[in-house]
PDB file of all heavy atoms in Angstrom:
ATOM      1  N   ARG A   1     132.157 109.486 134.470  1.00  0.00           N
ATOM      2  CA  ARG A   1     130.943 109.578 135.283  1.00  0.00           C
ATOM      3  C   ARG A   1     129.669 109.329 134.470  1.00  0.00           C
ATOM      4  O   ARG A   1     129.507 109.796 133.341  1.00  0.00           O
ATOM      5  CB  ARG A   1     130.867 110.942 135.962  1.00  0.00           C
ATOM      6  CG  ARG A   1     130.766 112.109 135.012  1.00  0.00           C
ATOM      7  CD  ARG A   1     130.848 113.440 135.755  1.00  0.00           C
ATOM      8  NE  ARG A   1     130.797 114.568 134.842  1.00  0.00           N
ATOM      9  CZ  ARG A   1     131.856 115.068 134.228  1.00  0.00           C
ATOM     10  NH1 ARG A   1     133.060 114.537 134.427  1.00  0.00           N
ATOM     11  NH2 ARG A   1     131.725 116.097 133.394  1.00  0.00           N
ATOM     12  N   VAL A   2     128.761 108.614 135.081  1.00  0.00           N
ATOM     13  CA  VAL A   2     127.419 108.403 134.558  1.00  0.00           C
ATOM     14  C   VAL A   2     126.548 107.930 135.714  1.00  0.00           C
ATOM     15  O   VAL A   2     127.024 107.227 136.609  1.00  0.00           O
ATOM     16  CB  VAL A   2     127.403 107.373 133.403  1.00  0.00           C
ATOM     17  CG1 VAL A   2     127.874 106.010 133.891  1.00  0.00           C
ATOM     18  CG2 VAL A   2     126.004 107.223 132.801  1.00  0.00           C
ATOM     19  N   HIS A   3     125.295 108.364 135.740  1.00  0.00           N
ATOM     20  CA  HIS A   3     124.341 107.857 136.740  1.00  0.00           C
ATOM     21  C   HIS A   3     122.965 107.876 136.106  1.00  0.00           C
ATOM     22  O   HIS A   3     122.309 108.903 136.028  1.00  0.00           O
ATOM     23  CB  HIS A   3     124.402 108.672 138.049  1.00  0.00           C
ATOM     24  CG  HIS A   3     124.172 110.139 137.894  1.00  0.00           C
ATOM     25  ND1 HIS A   3     123.011 110.766 138.287  1.00  0.00           N
ATOM     26  CD2 HIS A   3     124.956 111.115 137.379  1.00  0.00           C
ATOM     27  CE1 HIS A   3     123.096 112.057 138.036  1.00  0.00           C
ATOM     28  NE2 HIS A   3     124.258 112.302 137.475  1.00  0.00           N
ATOM     29  N   THR A   4     122.554 106.718 135.630  1.00  0.00           N
ATOM     30  CA  THR A   4     121.332 106.649 134.831  1.00  0.00           C
ATOM     31  C   THR A   4     120.673 105.289 134.958  1.00  0.00           C
ATOM     32  O   THR A   4     121.335 104.311 135.338  1.00  0.00           O
ATOM     33  CB  THR A   4     121.673 106.914 133.350  1.00  0.00           C
ATOM     34  OG1 THR A   4     120.481 106.909 132.567  1.00  0.00           O
ATOM     35  CG2 THR A   4     122.623 105.851 132.805  1.00  0.00           C
ATOM     36  N   TYR A   5     119.375 105.230 134.658  1.00  0.00           N
ATOM     37  CA  TYR A   5     118.735 103.922 134.495  1.00  0.00           C
ATOM     38  C   TYR A   5     117.606 104.016 133.483  1.00  0.00           C
ATOM     39  O   TYR A   5     117.084 105.106 133.192  1.00  0.00           O
ATOM     40  CB  TYR A   5     118.250 103.342 135.824  1.00  0.00           C
ATOM     41  CG  TYR A   5     117.117 104.032 136.540  1.00  0.00           C
ATOM     42  CD1 TYR A   5     115.791 103.886 136.129  1.00  0.00           C
ATOM     43  CD2 TYR A   5     117.361 104.788 137.681  1.00  0.00           C
ATOM     44  CE1 TYR A   5     114.745 104.489 136.811  1.00  0.00           C
ATOM     45  CE2 TYR A   5     116.326 105.401 138.373  1.00  0.00           C
ATOM     46  CZ  TYR A   5     115.027 105.256 137.925  1.00  0.00           C
ATOM     47  OH  TYR A   5     113.986 105.851 138.602  1.00  0.00           O
ATOM     48  N   GLU A   6     117.270 102.872 132.897  1.00  0.00           N
ATOM     49  CA  GLU A   6     116.155 102.779 131.970  1.00  0.00           C
ATOM     50  C   GLU A   6     115.366 101.519 132.283  1.00  0.00           C
ATOM     51  O   GLU A   6     115.909 100.542 132.803  1.00  0.00           O
ATOM     52  CB  GLU A   6     116.616 102.748 130.512  1.00  0.00           C
ATOM     53  CG  GLU A   6     117.388 101.515 130.143  1.00  0.00           C
ATOM     54  CD  GLU A   6     117.415 101.255 128.635  1.00  0.00           C
ATOM     55  OE1 GLU A   6     116.634 101.867 127.890  1.00  0.00           O
ATOM     56  OE2 GLU A   6     118.215 100.405 128.218  1.00  0.00           O
ATOM     57  N   VAL A   7     114.072 101.570 131.967  1.00  0.00           N
ATOM     58  CA  VAL A   7     113.192 100.410 132.141  1.00  0.00           C
ATOM     59  C   VAL A   7     112.465 100.197 130.817  1.00  0.00           C
ATOM     60  O   VAL A   7     111.881 101.132 130.272  1.00  0.00           O
ATOM     61  CB  VAL A   7     112.162 100.628 133.266  1.00  0.00           C
ATOM     62  CG1 VAL A   7     111.474  99.313 133.608  1.00  0.00           C
ATOM     63  CG2 VAL A   7     112.815 101.235 134.506  1.00  0.00           C
ATOM     64  N   ARG A   8     112.507  98.959 130.319  1.00  0.00           N
ATOM     65  CA  ARG A   8     111.841  98.640 129.057  1.00  0.00           C
ATOM     66  C   ARG A   8     110.762  97.590 129.284  1.00  0.00           C
ATOM     67  O   ARG A   8     111.001  96.587 129.953  1.00  0.00           O
ATOM     68  CB  ARG A   8     112.853  98.111 128.031  1.00  0.00           C
ATOM     69  CG  ARG A   8     113.657  99.216 127.370  1.00  0.00           C
ATOM     70  CD  ARG A   8     114.650  98.641 126.394  1.00  0.00           C
ATOM     71  NE  ARG A   8     115.914  98.328 127.039  1.00  0.00           N
ATOM     72  CZ  ARG A   8     116.782  97.437 126.579  1.00  0.00           C
ATOM     73  NH1 ARG A   8     116.475  96.720 125.511  1.00  0.00           N
ATOM     74  NH2 ARG A   8     117.919  97.221 127.198  1.00  0.00           N
ATOM     75  N   GLY A   9     109.590  97.863 128.722  1.00  0.00           N
ATOM     76  CA  GLY A   9     108.484  96.935 128.862  1.00  0.00           C
ATOM     77  C   GLY A   9     107.907  96.540 127.521  1.00  0.00           C
ATOM     78  O   GLY A   9     108.472  96.847 126.471  1.00  0.00           O
ATOM     79  N   THR A  10     106.779  95.879 127.547  1.00  0.00           N
ATOM     80  CA  THR A  10     106.163  95.370 126.323  1.00  0.00           C
ATOM     81  C   THR A  10     105.603  96.470 125.436  1.00  0.00           C
ATOM     82  O   THR A  10     105.457  96.289 124.233  1.00  0.00           O
ATOM     83  CB  THR A  10     105.030  94.384 126.674  1.00  0.00           C
ATOM     84  OG1 THR A  10     104.126  95.027 127.596  1.00  0.00           O
ATOM     85  CG2 THR A  10     105.585  93.121 127.321  1.00  0.00           C
ATOM     86  N   ARG A  11     105.302  97.654 126.016  1.00  0.00           N
ATOM     87  CA  ARG A  11     104.692  98.729 125.225  1.00  0.00           C
ATOM     88  C   ARG A  11     105.423 100.057 125.325  1.00  0.00           C
ATOM     89  O   ARG A  11     104.986 101.042 124.727  1.00  0.00           O
ATOM     90  CB  ARG A  11     103.233  98.936 125.644  1.00  0.00           C
ATOM     91  CG  ARG A  11     102.306  97.777 125.331  1.00  0.00           C
ATOM     92  CD  ARG A  11     100.840  98.167 125.444  1.00  0.00           C
ATOM     93  NE  ARG A  11     100.496  98.655 126.791  1.00  0.00           N
ATOM     94  CZ  ARG A  11     100.322  99.935 127.101  1.00  0.00           C
ATOM     95  NH1 ARG A  11     100.475 100.864 126.190  1.00  0.00           N
ATOM     96  NH2 ARG A  11     100.001 100.276 128.334  1.00  0.00           N
ATOM     97  N   GLY A  12     106.537 100.092 126.061  1.00  0.00           N
ATOM     98  CA  GLY A  12     107.204 101.373 126.184  1.00  0.00           C
ATOM     99  C   GLY A  12     108.539 101.289 126.907  1.00  0.00           C
ATOM    100  O   GLY A  12     108.992 100.210 127.316  1.00  0.00           O
ATOM    101  N   ARG A  13     109.145 102.465 127.062  1.00  0.00           N
ATOM    102  CA  ARG A  13     110.474 102.564 127.667  1.00  0.00           C
ATOM    103  C   ARG A  13     110.586 103.880 128.415  1.00  0.00           C
ATOM    104  O   ARG A  13     110.106 104.927 127.951  1.00  0.00           O
ATOM    105  CB  ARG A  13     111.535 102.499 126.563  1.00  0.00           C
ATOM    106  CG  ARG A  13     112.957 102.750 127.009  1.00  0.00           C
ATOM    107  CD  ARG A  13     113.869 102.911 125.797  1.00  0.00           C
ATOM    108  NE  ARG A  13     115.237 103.232 126.186  1.00  0.00           N
ATOM    109  CZ  ARG A  13     116.070 104.007 125.474  1.00  0.00           C
ATOM    110  NH1 ARG A  13     115.642 104.532 124.333  1.00  0.00           N
ATOM    111  NH2 ARG A  13     117.298 104.235 125.892  1.00  0.00           N
ATOM    112  N   LEU A  14     111.233 103.829 129.585  1.00  0.00           N
ATOM    113  CA  LEU A  14     111.567 105.027 130.356  1.00  0.00           C
ATOM    114  C   LEU A  14     113.079 105.152 130.462  1.00  0.00           C
ATOM    115  O   LEU A  14     113.774 104.156 130.693  1.00  0.00           O
ATOM    116  CB  LEU A  14     110.997 104.956 131.774  1.00  0.00           C
ATOM    117  CG  LEU A  14     109.486 104.893 131.967  1.00  0.00           C
ATOM    118  CD1 LEU A  14     109.171 104.809 133.453  1.00  0.00           C
ATOM    119  CD2 LEU A  14     108.801 106.093 131.347  1.00  0.00           C
ATOM    120  N   LEU A  15     113.587 106.362 130.332  1.00  0.00           N
ATOM    121  CA  LEU A  15     115.013 106.625 130.519  1.00  0.00           C
ATOM    122  C   LEU A  15     115.166 107.849 131.403  1.00  0.00           C
ATOM    123  O   LEU A  15     114.584 108.906 131.127  1.00  0.00           O
ATOM    124  CB  LEU A  15     115.705 106.868 129.181  1.00  0.00           C
ATOM    125  CG  LEU A  15     117.151 107.380 129.258  1.00  0.00           C
ATOM    126  CD1 LEU A  15     118.073 106.319 129.861  1.00  0.00           C
ATOM    127  CD2 LEU A  15     117.655 107.804 127.877  1.00  0.00           C
ATOM    128  N   LEU A  16     115.940 107.705 132.497  1.00  0.00           N
ATOM    129  CA  LEU A  16     116.262 108.823 133.392  1.00  0.00           C
ATOM    130  C   LEU A  16     117.764 109.086 133.278  1.00  0.00           C
ATOM    131  O   LEU A  16     118.580 108.353 133.839  1.00  0.00           O
ATOM    132  CB  LEU A  16     115.884 108.494 134.839  1.00  0.00           C
ATOM    133  CG  LEU A  16     114.387 108.582 135.189  1.00  0.00           C
ATOM    134  CD1 LEU A  16     113.599 107.444 134.559  1.00  0.00           C
ATOM    135  CD2 LEU A  16     114.196 108.580 136.697  1.00  0.00           C
ATOM    136  N   PRO A  17     118.177 110.111 132.533  1.00  0.00           N
ATOM    137  CA  PRO A  17     119.608 110.327 132.270  1.00  0.00           C
ATOM    138  C   PRO A  17     120.428 110.698 133.494  1.00  0.00           C
ATOM    139  O   PRO A  17     121.618 110.390 133.560  1.00  0.00           O
ATOM    140  CB  PRO A  17     119.611 111.471 131.246  1.00  0.00           C
ATOM    141  CG  PRO A  17     118.236 111.491 130.669  1.00  0.00           C
ATOM    142  CD  PRO A  17     117.340 111.045 131.766  1.00  0.00           C
ATOM    143  N   THR A  18     119.809 111.403 134.456  1.00  0.00           N
ATOM    144  CA  THR A  18     120.523 111.797 135.684  1.00  0.00           C
ATOM    145  C   THR A  18     119.697 111.339 136.878  1.00  0.00           C
ATOM    146  O   THR A  18     119.030 112.135 137.531  1.00  0.00           O
ATOM    147  CB  THR A  18     120.760 113.314 135.740  1.00  0.00           C
ATOM    148  OG1 THR A  18     119.506 113.991 135.593  1.00  0.00           O
ATOM    149  CG2 THR A  18     121.687 113.760 134.610  1.00  0.00           C
ATOM    150  N   SER A  19     119.774 110.065 137.153  1.00  0.00           N
ATOM    151  CA  SER A  19     118.816 109.465 138.082  1.00  0.00           C
ATOM    152  C   SER A  19     119.221 109.490 139.549  1.00  0.00           C
ATOM    153  O   SER A  19     118.367 109.550 140.425  1.00  0.00           O
ATOM    154  CB  SER A  19     118.556 108.012 137.670  1.00  0.00           C
ATOM    155  OG  SER A  19     119.779 107.310 137.576  1.00  0.00           O
ATOM    156  N   PHE A  20     120.517 109.422 139.859  1.00  0.00           N
ATOM    157  CA  PHE A  20     120.929 109.203 141.250  1.00  0.00           C
ATOM    158  C   PHE A  20     121.441 110.461 141.962  1.00  0.00           C
ATOM    159  O   PHE A  20     121.124 110.679 143.121  1.00  0.00           O
ATOM    160  CB  PHE A  20     121.993 108.101 141.312  1.00  0.00           C
ATOM    161  CG  PHE A  20     121.501 106.774 140.816  1.00  0.00           C
ATOM    162  CD1 PHE A  20     122.155 106.093 139.805  1.00  0.00           C
ATOM    163  CD2 PHE A  20     120.365 106.197 141.357  1.00  0.00           C
ATOM    164  CE1 PHE A  20     121.690 104.863 139.345  1.00  0.00           C
ATOM    165  CE2 PHE A  20     119.889 104.977 140.912  1.00  0.00           C
ATOM    166  CZ  PHE A  20     120.559 104.312 139.890  1.00  0.00           C
ATOM    167  N   VAL A  21     122.230 111.272 141.279  1.00  0.00           N
ATOM    168  CA  VAL A  21     122.777 112.478 141.927  1.00  0.00           C
ATOM    169  C   VAL A  21     122.580 113.700 141.028  1.00  0.00           C
ATOM    170  O   VAL A  21     123.537 114.346 140.602  1.00  0.00           O
ATOM    171  CB  VAL A  21     124.266 112.309 142.297  1.00  0.00           C
ATOM    172  CG1 VAL A  21     124.414 111.405 143.502  1.00  0.00           C
ATOM    173  CG2 VAL A  21     125.089 111.748 141.135  1.00  0.00           C
ATOM    174  N   PRO A  22     121.333 114.040 140.718  1.00  0.00           N
ATOM    175  CA  PRO A  22     121.083 115.204 139.870  1.00  0.00           C
ATOM    176  C   PRO A  22     121.456 116.506 140.565  1.00  0.00           C
ATOM    177  O   PRO A  22     121.454 116.591 141.792  1.00  0.00           O
ATOM    178  CB  PRO A  22     119.577 115.133 139.611  1.00  0.00           C
ATOM    179  CG  PRO A  22     119.038 114.409 140.797  1.00  0.00           C
ATOM    180  CD  PRO A  22     120.083 113.397 141.155  1.00  0.00           C
ATOM    181  N   ASP A  23     121.772 117.499 139.774  1.00  0.00           N
ATOM    182  CA  ASP A  23     122.049 118.838 140.277  1.00  0.00           C
ATOM    183  C   ASP A  23     120.760 119.409 140.878  1.00  0.00           C
ATOM    184  O   ASP A  23     119.746 119.531 140.170  1.00  0.00           O
ATOM    185  CB  ASP A  23     122.536 119.721 139.120  1.00  0.00           C
ATOM    186  CG  ASP A  23     122.970 121.104 139.563  1.00  0.00           C
ATOM    187  OD1 ASP A  23     122.496 121.586 140.611  1.00  0.00           O
ATOM    188  OD2 ASP A  23     123.767 121.726 138.842  1.00  0.00           O
ATOM    189  N   PRO A  24     120.748 119.766 142.163  1.00  0.00           N
ATOM    190  CA  PRO A  24     119.519 120.259 142.797  1.00  0.00           C
ATOM    191  C   PRO A  24     119.037 121.596 142.260  1.00  0.00           C
ATOM    192  O   PRO A  24     117.912 122.008 142.559  1.00  0.00           O
ATOM    193  CB  PRO A  24     119.894 120.353 144.277  1.00  0.00           C
ATOM    194  CG  PRO A  24     121.374 120.494 144.287  1.00  0.00           C
ATOM    195  CD  PRO A  24     121.871 119.702 143.123  1.00  0.00           C
ATOM    196  N   THR A  25     119.872 122.264 141.466  1.00  0.00           N
ATOM    197  CA  THR A  25     119.470 123.562 140.914  1.00  0.00           C
ATOM    198  C   THR A  25     118.929 123.441 139.491  1.00  0.00           C
ATOM    199  O   THR A  25     118.493 124.439 138.916  1.00  0.00           O
ATOM    200  CB  THR A  25     120.653 124.546 140.893  1.00  0.00           C
ATOM    201  OG1 THR A  25     121.642 124.100 139.951  1.00  0.00           O
ATOM    202  CG2 THR A  25     121.283 124.661 142.274  1.00  0.00           C
ATOM    203  N   GLN A  26     118.955 122.226 138.921  1.00  0.00           N
ATOM    204  CA  GLN A  26     118.545 122.042 137.539  1.00  0.00           C
ATOM    205  C   GLN A  26     117.349 121.088 137.436  1.00  0.00           C
ATOM    206  O   GLN A  26     117.227 120.152 138.233  1.00  0.00           O
ATOM    207  CB  GLN A  26     119.709 121.464 136.718  1.00  0.00           C
ATOM    208  CG  GLN A  26     120.933 122.349 136.658  1.00  0.00           C
ATOM    209  CD  GLN A  26     120.654 123.673 135.979  1.00  0.00           C
ATOM    210  OE1 GLN A  26     119.963 123.725 134.952  1.00  0.00           O
ATOM    211  NE2 GLN A  26     121.157 124.751 136.551  1.00  0.00           N
ATOM    212  N   PRO A  27     116.476 121.293 136.453  1.00  0.00           N
ATOM    213  CA  PRO A  27     115.376 120.343 136.251  1.00  0.00           C
ATOM    214  C   PRO A  27     115.919 118.996 135.777  1.00  0.00           C
ATOM    215  O   PRO A  27     117.018 118.915 135.227  1.00  0.00           O
ATOM    216  CB  PRO A  27     114.523 121.008 135.174  1.00  0.00           C
ATOM    217  CG  PRO A  27     115.457 121.926 134.455  1.00  0.00           C
ATOM    218  CD  PRO A  27     116.440 122.397 135.488  1.00  0.00           C
ATOM    219  N   THR A  28     115.155 117.938 136.016  1.00  0.00           N
ATOM    220  CA  THR A  28     115.512 116.617 135.524  1.00  0.00           C
ATOM    221  C   THR A  28     114.450 116.181 134.514  1.00  0.00           C
ATOM    222  O   THR A  28     113.382 116.788 134.428  1.00  0.00           O
ATOM    223  CB  THR A  28     115.584 115.595 136.663  1.00  0.00           C
ATOM    224  OG1 THR A  28     114.347 115.607 137.374  1.00  0.00           O
ATOM    225  CG2 THR A  28     116.721 115.912 137.622  1.00  0.00           C
ATOM    226  N   THR A  29     114.784 115.135 133.759  1.00  0.00           N
ATOM    227  CA  THR A  29     113.863 114.708 132.710  1.00  0.00           C
ATOM    228  C   THR A  29     113.685 113.192 132.727  1.00  0.00           C
ATOM    229  O   THR A  29     114.608 112.447 133.024  1.00  0.00           O
ATOM    230  CB  THR A  29     114.359 115.124 131.322  1.00  0.00           C
ATOM    231  OG1 THR A  29     115.694 114.634 131.127  1.00  0.00           O
ATOM    232  CG2 THR A  29     114.350 116.633 131.168  1.00  0.00           C
ATOM    233  N   ILE A  30     112.469 112.787 132.396  1.00  0.00           N
ATOM    234  CA  ILE A  30     112.153 111.386 132.136  1.00  0.00           C
ATOM    235  C   ILE A  30     111.795 111.286 130.653  1.00  0.00           C
ATOM    236  O   ILE A  30     110.865 111.966 130.188  1.00  0.00           O
ATOM    237  CB  ILE A  30     110.963 110.897 132.990  1.00  0.00           C
ATOM    238  CG1 ILE A  30     111.280 111.022 134.482  1.00  0.00           C
ATOM    239  CG2 ILE A  30     110.612 109.458 132.633  1.00  0.00           C
ATOM    240  CD1 ILE A  30     110.088 110.699 135.379  1.00  0.00           C
ATOM    241  N   HIS A  31     112.536 110.483 129.919  1.00  0.00           N
ATOM    242  CA  HIS A  31     112.261 110.283 128.502  1.00  0.00           C
ATOM    243  C   HIS A  31     111.373 109.051 128.374  1.00  0.00           C
ATOM    244  O   HIS A  31     111.700 107.981 128.894  1.00  0.00           O
ATOM    245  CB  HIS A  31     113.577 110.106 127.738  1.00  0.00           C
ATOM    246  CG  HIS A  31     114.455 111.315 127.804  1.00  0.00           C
ATOM    247  ND1 HIS A  31     114.627 112.174 126.745  1.00  0.00           N
ATOM    248  CD2 HIS A  31     115.184 111.842 128.828  1.00  0.00           C
ATOM    249  CE1 HIS A  31     115.431 113.172 127.100  1.00  0.00           C
ATOM    250  NE2 HIS A  31     115.783 112.982 128.367  1.00  0.00           N
ATOM    251  N   TYR A  32     110.254 109.240 127.680  1.00  0.00           N
ATOM    252  CA  TYR A  32     109.199 108.226 127.670  1.00  0.00           C
ATOM    253  C   TYR A  32     108.797 107.883 126.235  1.00  0.00           C
ATOM    254  O   TYR A  32     108.264 108.717 125.509  1.00  0.00           O
ATOM    255  CB  TYR A  32     107.996 108.757 128.450  1.00  0.00           C
ATOM    256  CG  TYR A  32     106.776 107.883 128.480  1.00  0.00           C
ATOM    257  CD1 TYR A  32     106.860 106.486 128.498  1.00  0.00           C
ATOM    258  CD2 TYR A  32     105.498 108.460 128.516  1.00  0.00           C
ATOM    259  CE1 TYR A  32     105.716 105.701 128.544  1.00  0.00           C
ATOM    260  CE2 TYR A  32     104.354 107.680 128.574  1.00  0.00           C
ATOM    261  CZ  TYR A  32     104.469 106.302 128.578  1.00  0.00           C
ATOM    262  OH  TYR A  32     103.338 105.526 128.618  1.00  0.00           O
ATOM    263  N   TRP A  33     109.105 106.649 125.834  1.00  0.00           N
ATOM    264  CA  TRP A  33     108.667 106.121 124.550  1.00  0.00           C
ATOM    265  C   TRP A  33     107.508 105.161 124.803  1.00  0.00           C
ATOM    266  O   TRP A  33     107.603 104.290 125.673  1.00  0.00           O
ATOM    267  CB  TRP A  33     109.794 105.349 123.865  1.00  0.00           C
ATOM    268  CG  TRP A  33     110.969 106.161 123.416  1.00  0.00           C
ATOM    269  CD1 TRP A  33     111.198 106.648 122.158  1.00  0.00           C
ATOM    270  CD2 TRP A  33     112.106 106.566 124.194  1.00  0.00           C
ATOM    271  NE1 TRP A  33     112.393 107.331 122.101  1.00  0.00           N
ATOM    272  CE2 TRP A  33     112.976 107.303 123.344  1.00  0.00           C
ATOM    273  CE3 TRP A  33     112.469 106.393 125.539  1.00  0.00           C
ATOM    274  CZ2 TRP A  33     114.177 107.832 123.782  1.00  0.00           C
ATOM    275  CZ3 TRP A  33     113.667 106.929 125.972  1.00  0.00           C
ATOM    276  CH2 TRP A  33     114.515 107.637 125.112  1.00  0.00           C
ATOM    277  N   HIS A  34     106.421 105.314 124.075  1.00  0.00           N
ATOM    278  CA  HIS A  34     105.300 104.397 124.240  1.00  0.00           C
ATOM    279  C   HIS A  34     104.577 104.268 122.913  1.00  0.00           C
ATOM    280  O   HIS A  34     104.226 105.271 122.276  1.00  0.00           O
ATOM    281  CB  HIS A  34     104.343 104.848 125.348  1.00  0.00           C
ATOM    282  CG  HIS A  34     103.869 106.255 125.214  1.00  0.00           C
ATOM    283  ND1 HIS A  34     102.593 106.583 124.804  1.00  0.00           N
ATOM    284  CD2 HIS A  34     104.506 107.436 125.433  1.00  0.00           C
ATOM    285  CE1 HIS A  34     102.461 107.903 124.803  1.00  0.00           C
ATOM    286  NE2 HIS A  34     103.602 108.447 125.166  1.00  0.00           N
ATOM    287  N   ASP A  35     104.367 103.038 122.479  1.00  0.00           N
ATOM    288  CA  ASP A  35     103.785 102.771 121.165  1.00  0.00           C
ATOM    289  C   ASP A  35     104.581 103.554 120.115  1.00  0.00           C
ATOM    290  O   ASP A  35     105.776 103.355 119.990  1.00  0.00           O
ATOM    291  CB  ASP A  35     102.288 103.106 121.168  1.00  0.00           C
ATOM    292  CG  ASP A  35     101.535 102.266 122.201  1.00  0.00           C
ATOM    293  OD1 ASP A  35     101.867 101.069 122.331  1.00  0.00           O
ATOM    294  OD2 ASP A  35     100.643 102.805 122.886  1.00  0.00           O
ATOM    295  N   ASP A  36     103.949 104.479 119.398  1.00  0.00           N
ATOM    296  CA  ASP A  36     104.667 105.248 118.374  1.00  0.00           C
ATOM    297  C   ASP A  36     104.954 106.673 118.825  1.00  0.00           C
ATOM    298  O   ASP A  36     105.279 107.543 118.004  1.00  0.00           O
ATOM    299  CB  ASP A  36     103.851 105.282 117.076  1.00  0.00           C
ATOM    300  CG  ASP A  36     103.669 103.904 116.457  1.00  0.00           C
ATOM    301  OD1 ASP A  36     104.640 103.119 116.516  1.00  0.00           O
ATOM    302  OD2 ASP A  36     102.568 103.620 115.946  1.00  0.00           O
ATOM    303  N   SER A  37     104.854 106.925 120.110  1.00  0.00           N
ATOM    304  CA  SER A  37     105.023 108.286 120.620  1.00  0.00           C
ATOM    305  C   SER A  37     106.281 108.416 121.474  1.00  0.00           C
ATOM    306  O   SER A  37     106.818 107.433 121.997  1.00  0.00           O
ATOM    307  CB  SER A  37     103.806 108.677 121.467  1.00  0.00           C
ATOM    308  OG  SER A  37     102.619 108.610 120.705  1.00  0.00           O
ATOM    309  N   TYR A  38     106.744 109.645 121.612  1.00  0.00           N
ATOM    310  CA  TYR A  38     107.889 109.965 122.457  1.00  0.00           C
ATOM    311  C   TYR A  38     107.627 111.300 123.130  1.00  0.00           C
ATOM    312  O   TYR A  38     107.168 112.252 122.493  1.00  0.00           O
ATOM    313  CB  TYR A  38     109.169 110.048 121.622  1.00  0.00           C
ATOM    314  CG  TYR A  38     110.340 110.689 122.343  1.00  0.00           C
ATOM    315  CD1 TYR A  38     110.956 110.054 123.419  1.00  0.00           C
ATOM    316  CD2 TYR A  38     110.805 111.946 121.952  1.00  0.00           C
ATOM    317  CE1 TYR A  38     112.031 110.643 124.076  1.00  0.00           C
ATOM    318  CE2 TYR A  38     111.876 112.538 122.608  1.00  0.00           C
ATOM    319  CZ  TYR A  38     112.478 111.886 123.673  1.00  0.00           C
ATOM    320  OH  TYR A  38     113.537 112.468 124.336  1.00  0.00           O
ATOM    321  N   GLU A  39     107.888 111.368 124.405  1.00  0.00           N
ATOM    322  CA  GLU A  39     107.740 112.631 125.118  1.00  0.00           C
ATOM    323  C   GLU A  39     108.807 112.762 126.194  1.00  0.00           C
ATOM    324  O   GLU A  39     109.361 111.771 126.680  1.00  0.00           O
ATOM    325  CB  GLU A  39     106.347 112.755 125.733  1.00  0.00           C
ATOM    326  CG  GLU A  39     105.986 111.692 126.753  1.00  0.00           C
ATOM    327  CD  GLU A  39     104.563 111.860 127.274  1.00  0.00           C
ATOM    328  OE1 GLU A  39     104.312 112.864 127.985  1.00  0.00           O
ATOM    329  OE2 GLU A  39     103.722 110.989 126.979  1.00  0.00           O
ATOM    330  N   VAL A  40     109.077 114.004 126.549  1.00  0.00           N
ATOM    331  CA  VAL A  40     110.020 114.305 127.620  1.00  0.00           C
ATOM    332  C   VAL A  40     109.238 114.932 128.766  1.00  0.00           C
ATOM    333  O   VAL A  40     108.583 115.972 128.587  1.00  0.00           O
ATOM    334  CB  VAL A  40     111.135 115.255 127.162  1.00  0.00           C
ATOM    335  CG1 VAL A  40     112.062 115.580 128.332  1.00  0.00           C
ATOM    336  CG2 VAL A  40     111.925 114.640 126.015  1.00  0.00           C
ATOM    337  N   ILE A  41     109.303 114.290 129.925  1.00  0.00           N
ATOM    338  CA  ILE A  41     108.610 114.784 131.113  1.00  0.00           C
ATOM    339  C   ILE A  41     109.634 115.538 131.963  1.00  0.00           C
ATOM    340  O   ILE A  41     110.630 114.959 132.405  1.00  0.00           O
ATOM    341  CB  ILE A  41     108.016 113.622 131.913  1.00  0.00           C
ATOM    342  CG1 ILE A  41     107.025 112.831 131.049  1.00  0.00           C
ATOM    343  CG2 ILE A  41     107.344 114.136 133.188  1.00  0.00           C
ATOM    344  CD1 ILE A  41     106.616 111.506 131.653  1.00  0.00           C
ATOM    345  N   GLU A  42     109.414 116.820 132.172  1.00  0.00           N
ATOM    346  CA  GLU A  42     110.365 117.637 132.933  1.00  0.00           C
ATOM    347  C   GLU A  42     109.908 117.753 134.384  1.00  0.00           C
ATOM    348  O   GLU A  42     108.734 118.020 134.669  1.00  0.00           O
ATOM    349  CB  GLU A  42     110.519 119.022 132.309  1.00  0.00           C
ATOM    350  CG  GLU A  42     111.604 119.855 132.992  1.00  0.00           C
ATOM    351  CD  GLU A  42     111.953 121.120 132.226  1.00  0.00           C
ATOM    352  OE1 GLU A  42     112.515 121.001 131.114  1.00  0.00           O
ATOM    353  OE2 GLU A  42     111.656 122.218 132.741  1.00  0.00           O
ATOM    354  N   ILE A  43     110.866 117.537 135.288  1.00  0.00           N
ATOM    355  CA  ILE A  43     110.624 117.621 136.729  1.00  0.00           C
ATOM    356  C   ILE A  43     111.352 118.844 137.271  1.00  0.00           C
ATOM    357  O   ILE A  43     112.542 119.045 136.995  1.00  0.00           O
ATOM    358  CB  ILE A  43     111.113 116.350 137.449  1.00  0.00           C
ATOM    359  CG1 ILE A  43     110.555 115.078 136.790  1.00  0.00           C
ATOM    360  CG2 ILE A  43     110.781 116.417 138.928  1.00  0.00           C
ATOM    361  CD1 ILE A  43     109.068 114.922 136.873  1.00  0.00           C
ATOM    362  N   ASP A  44     110.672 119.644 138.062  1.00  0.00           N
ATOM    363  CA  ASP A  44     111.276 120.860 138.613  1.00  0.00           C
ATOM    364  C   ASP A  44     112.483 120.537 139.498  1.00  0.00           C
ATOM    365  O   ASP A  44     112.548 119.465 140.114  1.00  0.00           O
ATOM    366  CB  ASP A  44     110.246 121.632 139.433  1.00  0.00           C
ATOM    367  CG  ASP A  44     109.159 122.248 138.567  1.00  0.00           C
ATOM    368  OD1 ASP A  44     109.391 122.436 137.366  1.00  0.00           O
ATOM    369  OD2 ASP A  44     108.067 122.515 139.110  1.00  0.00           O
ATOM    370  N   PRO A  45     113.428 121.471 139.599  1.00  0.00           N
ATOM    371  CA  PRO A  45     114.599 121.259 140.460  1.00  0.00           C
ATOM    372  C   PRO A  45     114.190 121.061 141.914  1.00  0.00           C
ATOM    373  O   PRO A  45     113.239 121.674 142.402  1.00  0.00           O
ATOM    374  CB  PRO A  45     115.403 122.559 140.303  1.00  0.00           C
ATOM    375  CG  PRO A  45     114.922 123.168 139.033  1.00  0.00           C
ATOM    376  CD  PRO A  45     113.491 122.769 138.896  1.00  0.00           C
ATOM    377  N   VAL A  46     114.914 120.194 142.594  1.00  0.00           N
ATOM    378  CA  VAL A  46     114.649 119.937 144.008  1.00  0.00           C
ATOM    379  C   VAL A  46     115.916 119.358 144.635  1.00  0.00           C
ATOM    380  O   VAL A  46     116.723 118.722 143.954  1.00  0.00           O
ATOM    381  CB  VAL A  46     113.463 118.958 144.166  1.00  0.00           C
ATOM    382  CG1 VAL A  46     113.820 117.566 143.667  1.00  0.00           C
ATOM    383  CG2 VAL A  46     112.990 118.896 145.610  1.00  0.00           C
TER     384      VAL A  46
END
C-alpha cells in the first residue's frame, strides 16, 4: 500500500505522504522544500 503525490517546480517541491485516503483521526503533513529551506506543514485531522 501507498497513496502519495509530489509536485516539483523550478524553486521548490511539495510532498504529501498520505494524500488520498488519510486516517481521519490523524493529522496529515505537507513537506515543503523551497530554495534552501525545508518545512513540514501540519494539517488538523478531518
